[in-house]
Amino acid sequence: MTEIVVRGLYIGRFQPYHYGHQSVLERISKQVDEIIIGVGSAQMSHDINNPFTAGERIMMITRSLEDLDCRYYVIPIEDLQRNALWVAHVTSISPPFQRVFSSNPLVVQLFSERNIPVESPEMYERKSHSGTEIRQRMLSGGDWQKLVPPAVVDVIEEIKGIERLQRIAGTDDE
């Protein structure tokens, strides 16, 4: 007889992946057998709010979670411009799951409408541990490295992510 595996889905943009995400995933890992990590807005990159590609974000996540005591899968999830179809899209490209973990109001609403249980995990130091804050610190030369795992610092250095962010934040006004 096959053992029932409880799988949970956690979706984020991870622009970039940070200790807030890590904290949530560590807590989720104690509630499920496997985690599906959905890299949302996978088609977005090279703009001020989404500077990193889906592949780069997957590198950040997988390198940061090497010691996680839970099997996980990282999948890219592209946005659809039709929210009513988005849950069907996610379930069609994802391994099967029984629970969703998200604090995003739209994600909670969409999955709830499809009768898929959603839990909103408590955020970890949300004010400082947000992609917006980290990207602002990157642009201003602030201390962003302490907010992300060392593996993320390595990936951002490898891809010259600070230089990319500074370039795309610039203007051609002279």
C-alpha atoms as a PDB file:
ATOM      1  CA  MET A   1       0.000   0.000   0.000  1.00  0.00           C
ATOM      2  CA  THR A   2       1.306   3.428  -0.913  1.00  0.00           C
ATOM      3  CA  GLU A   3       1.890   5.931   1.852  1.00  0.00           C
ATOM      4  CA  ILE A   4      -0.060   9.190   1.600  1.00  0.00           C
ATOM      5  CA  VAL A   5       2.319  12.114   1.083  1.00  0.00           C
ATOM      6  CA  VAL A   6       1.134  15.520   2.282  1.00  0.00           C
ATOM      7  CA  ARG A   7       2.394  18.214  -0.047  1.00  0.00           C
ATOM      8  CA  GLY A   8       2.091  21.955   0.488  1.00  0.00           C
ATOM      9  CA  LEU A   9       2.469  24.758  -2.041  1.00  0.00           C
ATOM     10  CA  TYR A  10       4.269  27.990  -1.174  1.00  0.00           C
ATOM     11  CA  ILE A  11       4.349  30.715  -3.822  1.00  0.00           C
ATOM     12  CA  GLY A  12       6.484  33.845  -3.836  1.00  0.00           C
ATOM     13  CA  ARG A  13       8.292  36.098  -6.276  1.00  0.00           C
ATOM     14  CA  PHE A  14      11.591  35.726  -4.387  1.00  0.00           C
ATOM     15  CA  GLN A  15      13.028  38.992  -5.765  1.00  0.00           C
ATOM     16  CA  PRO A  16      15.364  38.091  -4.058  1.00  0.00           C
ATOM     17  CA  TYR A  17      14.966  35.062  -1.795  1.00  0.00           C
ATOM     18  CA  HIS A  18      15.582  36.156   1.834  1.00  0.00           C
ATOM     19  CA  TYR A  19      15.538  35.004   5.452  1.00  0.00           C
ATOM     20  CA  GLY A  20      11.816  35.775   5.701  1.00  0.00           C
ATOM     21  CA  HIS A  21      11.141  33.148   3.017  1.00  0.00           C
ATOM     22  CA  GLN A  22      13.598  30.786   4.682  1.00  0.00           C
ATOM     23  CA  SER A  23      11.831  31.111   8.037  1.00  0.00           C
ATOM     24  CA  VAL A  24       8.421  30.381   6.505  1.00  0.00           C
ATOM     25  CA  LEU A  25       9.745  27.370   4.580  1.00  0.00           C
ATOM     26  CA  GLU A  26      11.410  25.943   7.683  1.00  0.00           C
ATOM     27  CA  ARG A  27       8.076  26.165   9.535  1.00  0.00           C
ATOM     28  CA  ILE A  28       6.141  24.667   6.607  1.00  0.00           C
ATOM     29  CA  SER A  29       8.633  21.775   6.467  1.00  0.00           C
ATOM     30  CA  LYS A  30       7.428  20.682   9.904  1.00  0.00           C
ATOM     31  CA  GLN A  31       3.791  20.508   8.719  1.00  0.00           C
ATOM     32  CA  VAL A  32       4.095  18.627   5.414  1.00  0.00           C
ATOM     33  CA  ASP A  33       6.103  15.794   3.888  1.00  0.00           C
ATOM     34  CA  GLU A  34       7.070  17.754   0.766  1.00  0.00           C
ATOM     35  CA  ILE A  35       6.991  21.397  -0.309  1.00  0.00           C
ATOM     36  CA  ILE A  36       6.356  22.762  -3.767  1.00  0.00           C
ATOM     37  CA  ILE A  37       7.975  26.169  -4.043  1.00  0.00           C
ATOM     38  CA  GLY A  38       6.353  28.149  -6.813  1.00  0.00           C
ATOM     39  CA  VAL A  39       8.469  30.933  -8.270  1.00  0.00           C
ATOM     40  CA  GLY A  40       5.727  33.400  -9.151  1.00  0.00           C
ATOM     41  CA  SER A  41       5.847  35.935 -11.966  1.00  0.00           C
ATOM     42  CA  ALA A  42       8.409  33.634 -13.562  1.00  0.00           C
ATOM     43  CA  GLN A  43       8.270  35.520 -16.852  1.00  0.00           C
ATOM     44  CA  MET A  44       9.335  38.775 -15.200  1.00  0.00           C
ATOM     45  CA  SER A  45      12.961  39.903 -15.014  1.00  0.00           C
ATOM     46  CA  HIS A  46      15.237  42.840 -15.636  1.00  0.00           C
ATOM     47  CA  ASP A  47      12.968  45.486 -14.162  1.00  0.00           C
ATOM     48  CA  ILE A  48      13.171  47.430 -10.916  1.00  0.00           C
ATOM     49  CA  ASN A  49      10.623  45.261  -9.079  1.00  0.00           C
ATOM     50  CA  ASN A  50      11.678  41.968 -10.677  1.00  0.00           C
ATOM     51  CA  PRO A  51      15.384  42.189 -11.433  1.00  0.00           C
ATOM     52  CA  PHE A  52      16.155  38.456 -11.343  1.00  0.00           C
ATOM     53  CA  THR A  53      15.174  35.725 -13.807  1.00  0.00           C
ATOM     54  CA  ALA A  54      13.231  32.644 -12.742  1.00  0.00           C
ATOM     55  CA  GLY A  55      16.389  30.568 -13.205  1.00  0.00           C
ATOM     56  CA  GLU A  56      18.408  32.887 -10.987  1.00  0.00           C
ATOM     57  CA  ARG A  57      15.722  32.779  -8.303  1.00  0.00           C
ATOM     58  CA  ILE A  58      15.644  28.978  -8.504  1.00  0.00           C
ATOM     59  CA  MET A  59      19.431  28.984  -7.940  1.00  0.00           C
ATOM     60  CA  MET A  60      19.001  31.245  -4.891  1.00  0.00           C
ATOM     61  CA  ILE A  61      16.342  28.969  -3.409  1.00  0.00           C
ATOM     62  CA  THR A  62      17.948  25.595  -4.059  1.00  0.00           C
ATOM     63  CA  ARG A  63      21.378  26.677  -2.832  1.00  0.00           C
ATOM     64  CA  SER A  64      19.825  28.199   0.312  1.00  0.00           C
ATOM     65  CA  LEU A  65      17.775  25.111   1.135  1.00  0.00           C
ATOM     66  CA  GLU A  66      20.491  22.459   0.857  1.00  0.00           C
ATOM     67  CA  ASP A  67      20.068  21.600   4.555  1.00  0.00           C
ATOM     68  CA  LEU A  68      16.264  21.699   4.685  1.00  0.00           C
ATOM     69  CA  ASP A  69      15.008  18.489   6.257  1.00  0.00           C
ATOM     70  CA  CYS A  70      12.123  18.118   3.819  1.00  0.00           C
ATOM     71  CA  ARG A  71      11.882  17.145   0.170  1.00  0.00           C
ATOM     72  CA  TYR A  72      11.031  20.116  -2.025  1.00  0.00           C
ATOM     73  CA  TYR A  73      10.449  20.978  -5.658  1.00  0.00           C
ATOM     74  CA  VAL A  74      10.982  24.408  -7.186  1.00  0.00           C
ATOM     75  CA  ILE A  75       8.810  25.241 -10.170  1.00  0.00           C
ATOM     76  CA  PRO A  76       8.440  28.442 -12.198  1.00  0.00           C
ATOM     77  CA  ILE A  77       4.901  29.812 -12.394  1.00  0.00           C
ATOM     78  CA  GLU A  78       4.155  32.421 -15.031  1.00  0.00           C
ATOM     79  CA  ASP A  79       1.420  34.971 -14.479  1.00  0.00           C
ATOM     80  CA  LEU A  80      -1.812  34.731 -16.387  1.00  0.00           C
ATOM     81  CA  GLN A  81      -3.736  37.867 -17.093  1.00  0.00           C
ATOM     82  CA  ARG A  82      -6.945  36.054 -16.111  1.00  0.00           C
ATOM     83  CA  ASN A  83      -7.081  35.456 -12.363  1.00  0.00           C
ATOM     84  CA  ALA A  84     -10.125  33.177 -12.634  1.00  0.00           C
ATOM     85  CA  LEU A  85      -7.953  30.659 -14.530  1.00  0.00           C
ATOM     86  CA  TRP A  86      -4.795  30.989 -12.447  1.00  0.00           C
ATOM     87  CA  VAL A  87      -5.469  28.193  -9.917  1.00  0.00           C
ATOM     88  CA  ALA A  88      -6.171  25.753 -12.762  1.00  0.00           C
ATOM     89  CA  HIS A  89      -2.924  26.880 -14.383  1.00  0.00           C
ATOM     90  CA  VAL A  90      -0.935  26.336 -11.167  1.00  0.00           C
ATOM     91  CA  THR A  91      -2.430  22.909 -10.508  1.00  0.00           C
ATOM     92  CA  SER A  92      -1.769  21.857 -14.123  1.00  0.00           C
ATOM     93  CA  ILE A  93       1.983  22.536 -13.900  1.00  0.00           C
ATOM     94  CA  SER A  94       2.590  21.528 -10.292  1.00  0.00           C
ATOM     95  CA  PRO A  95       2.935  18.207  -8.511  1.00  0.00           C
ATOM     96  CA  PRO A  96      -0.308  17.447  -6.664  1.00  0.00           C
ATOM     97  CA  PHE A  97      -0.741  19.298  -3.347  1.00  0.00           C
ATOM     98  CA  GLN A  98      -3.301  19.382  -0.565  1.00  0.00           C
ATOM     99  CA  ARG A  99      -2.545  22.731   1.107  1.00  0.00           C
ATOM    100  CA  VAL A 100      -1.410  26.189   0.111  1.00  0.00           C
ATOM    101  CA  PHE A 101       0.670  28.509   2.266  1.00  0.00           C
ATOM    102  CA  SER A 102       0.380  32.195   1.393  1.00  0.00           C
ATOM    103  CA  SER A 103      -0.277  35.569   2.967  1.00  0.00           C
ATOM    104  CA  ASN A 104      -0.982  37.205  -0.383  1.00  0.00           C
ATOM    105  CA  PRO A 105      -4.680  38.221  -0.287  1.00  0.00           C
ATOM    106  CA  LEU A 106      -5.275  37.438  -3.973  1.00  0.00           C
ATOM    107  CA  VAL A 107      -3.645  33.992  -3.729  1.00  0.00           C
ATOM    108  CA  VAL A 108      -5.684  33.235  -0.585  1.00  0.00           C
ATOM    109  CA  GLN A 109      -8.900  34.305  -2.348  1.00  0.00           C
ATOM    110  CA  LEU A 110      -8.260  32.370  -5.555  1.00  0.00           C
ATOM    111  CA  PHE A 111      -7.377  29.074  -3.864  1.00  0.00           C
ATOM    112  CA  SER A 112     -10.173  29.452  -1.295  1.00  0.00           C
ATOM    113  CA  GLU A 113     -12.684  29.851  -4.128  1.00  0.00           C
ATOM    114  CA  ARG A 114     -11.513  26.442  -5.402  1.00  0.00           C
ATOM    115  CA  ASN A 115     -11.925  24.893  -1.922  1.00  0.00           C
ATOM    116  CA  ILE A 116      -8.200  24.302  -1.500  1.00  0.00           C
ATOM    117  CA  PRO A 117      -7.159  24.890   2.129  1.00  0.00           C
ATOM    118  CA  VAL A 118      -4.960  27.959   2.553  1.00  0.00           C
ATOM    119  CA  GLU A 119      -2.901  28.846   5.608  1.00  0.00           C
ATOM    120  CA  SER A 120      -1.323  32.262   6.075  1.00  0.00           C
ATOM    121  CA  PRO A 121       2.011  31.766   7.817  1.00  0.00           C
ATOM    122  CA  GLU A 122       3.209  34.491  10.134  1.00  0.00           C
ATOM    123  CA  MET A 123       5.780  36.667   8.391  1.00  0.00           C
ATOM    124  CA  TYR A 124       9.309  36.940   9.730  1.00  0.00           C
ATOM    125  CA  GLU A 125      10.389  40.534  10.490  1.00  0.00           C
ATOM    126  CA  ARG A 126       8.322  41.714   7.526  1.00  0.00           C
ATOM    127  CA  LYS A 127       9.422  45.358   7.626  1.00  0.00           C
ATOM    128  CA  SER A 128      13.089  44.617   6.943  1.00  0.00           C
ATOM    129  CA  HIS A 129      12.688  41.215   5.289  1.00  0.00           C
ATOM    130  CA  SER A 130      10.884  42.152   2.108  1.00  0.00           C
ATOM    131  CA  GLY A 131      12.114  42.117  -1.449  1.00  0.00           C
ATOM    132  CA  THR A 132      11.275  45.819  -1.787  1.00  0.00           C
ATOM    133  CA  GLU A 133      13.441  46.759   1.206  1.00  0.00           C
ATOM    134  CA  ILE A 134      16.304  44.546   0.067  1.00  0.00           C
ATOM    135  CA  ARG A 135      16.257  45.934  -3.480  1.00  0.00           C
ATOM    136  CA  GLN A 136      16.222  49.500  -2.081  1.00  0.00           C
ATOM    137  CA  ARG A 137      19.260  48.681   0.040  1.00  0.00           C
ATOM    138  CA  MET A 138      21.005  47.204  -2.994  1.00  0.00           C
ATOM    139  CA  LEU A 139      20.388  50.396  -4.945  1.00  0.00           C
ATOM    140  CA  SER A 140      21.491  52.730  -2.146  1.00  0.00           C
ATOM    141  CA  GLY A 141      24.583  50.757  -1.140  1.00  0.00           C
ATOM    142  CA  GLY A 142      22.956  49.728   2.153  1.00  0.00           C
ATOM    143  CA  ASP A 143      23.516  46.527   4.103  1.00  0.00           C
ATOM    144  CA  TRP A 144      21.307  43.999   2.309  1.00  0.00           C
ATOM    145  CA  GLN A 145      23.569  40.954   2.700  1.00  0.00           C
ATOM    146  CA  LYS A 146      22.509  40.302   6.313  1.00  0.00           C
ATOM    147  CA  LEU A 147      18.881  39.877   5.175  1.00  0.00           C
ATOM    148  CA  VAL A 148      19.565  36.994   2.782  1.00  0.00           C
ATOM    149  CA  PRO A 149      21.286  33.612   3.116  1.00  0.00           C
ATOM    150  CA  PRO A 150      24.970  33.532   2.079  1.00  0.00           C
ATOM    151  CA  ALA A 151      24.041  31.437  -0.973  1.00  0.00           C
ATOM    152  CA  VAL A 152      21.870  34.316  -2.244  1.00  0.00           C
ATOM    153  CA  VAL A 153      24.742  36.768  -1.843  1.00  0.00           C
ATOM    154  CA  ASP A 154      26.882  34.367  -3.889  1.00  0.00           C
ATOM    155  CA  VAL A 155      24.289  34.097  -6.677  1.00  0.00           C
ATOM    156  CA  ILE A 156      23.764  37.862  -6.835  1.00  0.00           C
ATOM    157  CA  GLU A 157      27.523  38.415  -7.035  1.00  0.00           C
ATOM    158  CA  GLU A 158      27.875  35.676  -9.671  1.00  0.00           C
ATOM    159  CA  ILE A 159      25.243  37.243 -11.937  1.00  0.00           C
ATOM    160  CA  LYS A 160      26.359  40.816 -11.206  1.00  0.00           C
ATOM    161  CA  GLY A 161      22.892  41.485  -9.826  1.00  0.00           C
ATOM    162  CA  ILE A 162      23.717  44.781  -8.095  1.00  0.00           C
ATOM    163  CA  GLU A 163      25.122  46.211 -11.320  1.00  0.00           C
ATOM    164  CA  ARG A 164      22.034  45.012 -13.214  1.00  0.00           C
ATOM    165  CA  LEU A 165      19.661  46.562 -10.686  1.00  0.00           C
ATOM    166  CA  GLN A 166      21.547  49.869 -10.710  1.00  0.00           C
ATOM    167  CA  ARG A 167      21.561  49.964 -14.496  1.00  0.00           C
ATOM    168  CA  ILE A 168      17.859  49.232 -14.911  1.00  0.00           C
ATOM    169  CA  ALA A 169      16.990  51.753 -12.167  1.00  0.00           C
ATOM    170  CA  GLY A 170      18.851  54.476 -14.041  1.00  0.00           C
ATOM    171  CA  THR A 171      17.398  56.870 -16.558  1.00  0.00           C
ATOM    172  CA  ASP A 172      18.621  58.224 -19.841  1.00  0.00           C
ATOM    173  CA  ASP A 173      17.709  61.805 -18.900  1.00  0.00           C
ATOM    174  CA  GLU A 174      20.673  64.113 -19.342  1.00  0.00           C
END
